[in-house]
């Protein structure tokens, strides 16, 4: 997550790790501009999820949880 955050922060957004579940689901909270951005699902799936799966094969899915 820390490697992804600077990219999001450059666009006025941010991401917070909420939890990692036993089934491989990672829960994150999108913040700042990312929270209301129309592209947030693409950022979540093709940015955050892809990066985490590349570095941590046990990750099965990344989902966003509300505040």
Protein backbone atom coordinates (compact mmCIF):
# COMPACT_ATOMS: atom_id res chain seq x y z
CA UNK A 1 0.00 0.00 0.00
CA UNK A 2 2.82 2.41 0.86
CA UNK A 3 4.24 2.06 -2.66
CA UNK A 4 0.86 2.86 -4.22
CA UNK A 5 -0.04 5.82 -2.01
CA UNK A 6 2.32 8.40 -3.62
CA UNK A 7 0.69 7.88 -7.02
CA UNK A 8 -2.75 8.48 -5.56
CA UNK A 9 -1.57 11.43 -3.49
CA UNK A 10 -0.24 13.10 -6.64
CA UNK A 11 -3.85 13.24 -7.85
CA UNK A 12 -5.25 14.43 -4.52
CA UNK A 13 -6.35 11.00 -3.33
CA UNK A 14 -5.13 8.43 -0.86
CA UNK A 15 -5.74 4.87 0.29
CA UNK A 16 -5.78 3.36 3.76
CA UNK A 17 -5.39 -0.34 4.58
CA UNK A 18 -8.38 -1.39 6.69
CA UNK A 19 -7.86 -5.14 7.04
CA UNK A 20 -6.57 -8.33 5.47
CA UNK A 21 -8.98 -11.24 5.76
CA UNK A 22 -8.07 -14.93 6.02
CA UNK A 23 -9.66 -15.61 2.62
CA UNK A 24 -7.19 -13.28 0.86
CA UNK A 25 -9.52 -10.28 0.68
CA UNK A 26 -7.85 -6.95 1.33
CA UNK A 27 -10.13 -4.15 2.52
CA UNK A 28 -9.05 -0.59 1.83
CA UNK A 29 -10.59 2.84 2.22
CA UNK A 30 -10.25 5.29 -0.66
CA UNK A 31 -9.90 8.86 0.55
CA UNK A 32 -9.59 12.38 -0.81
CA UNK A 33 -10.37 12.74 -4.50
CA UNK A 34 -10.32 8.95 -4.87
CA UNK A 35 -13.38 8.58 -2.64
CA UNK A 36 -15.74 10.32 -5.05
CA UNK A 37 -13.90 9.84 -8.32
CA UNK A 38 -15.73 8.22 -11.23
CA UNK A 39 -12.55 6.23 -11.92
CA UNK A 40 -12.27 4.85 -8.38
CA UNK A 41 -13.24 1.28 -9.35
CA UNK A 42 -10.62 1.25 -12.12
CA UNK A 43 -8.06 2.61 -9.67
CA UNK A 44 -9.06 -0.07 -7.17
CA UNK A 45 -9.02 -3.06 -9.55
CA UNK A 46 -6.40 -2.13 -12.14
CA UNK A 47 -4.11 -0.15 -9.89
CA UNK A 48 -4.24 -1.22 -6.26
CA UNK A 49 -5.44 -4.82 -6.68
CA UNK A 50 -3.07 -5.57 -9.56
CA UNK A 51 -0.08 -4.14 -7.70
CA UNK A 52 -0.85 -6.07 -4.52
CA UNK A 53 -1.43 -9.35 -6.38
CA UNK A 54 1.88 -8.92 -8.19
CA UNK A 55 3.81 -8.60 -4.94
CA UNK A 56 1.62 -10.74 -2.66
CA UNK A 57 0.21 -13.79 -4.47
CA UNK A 58 -2.04 -14.66 -1.51
CA UNK A 59 -4.18 -11.59 -2.23
CA UNK A 60 -7.37 -12.73 -3.97
CA UNK A 61 -9.37 -9.50 -4.11
CA UNK A 62 -9.21 -5.88 -3.01
CA UNK A 63 -12.43 -4.17 -2.01
CA UNK A 64 -13.19 -0.65 -0.88
CA UNK A 65 -15.09 -0.06 2.34
CA UNK A 66 -16.89 3.18 3.23
CA UNK A 67 -15.91 5.49 6.07
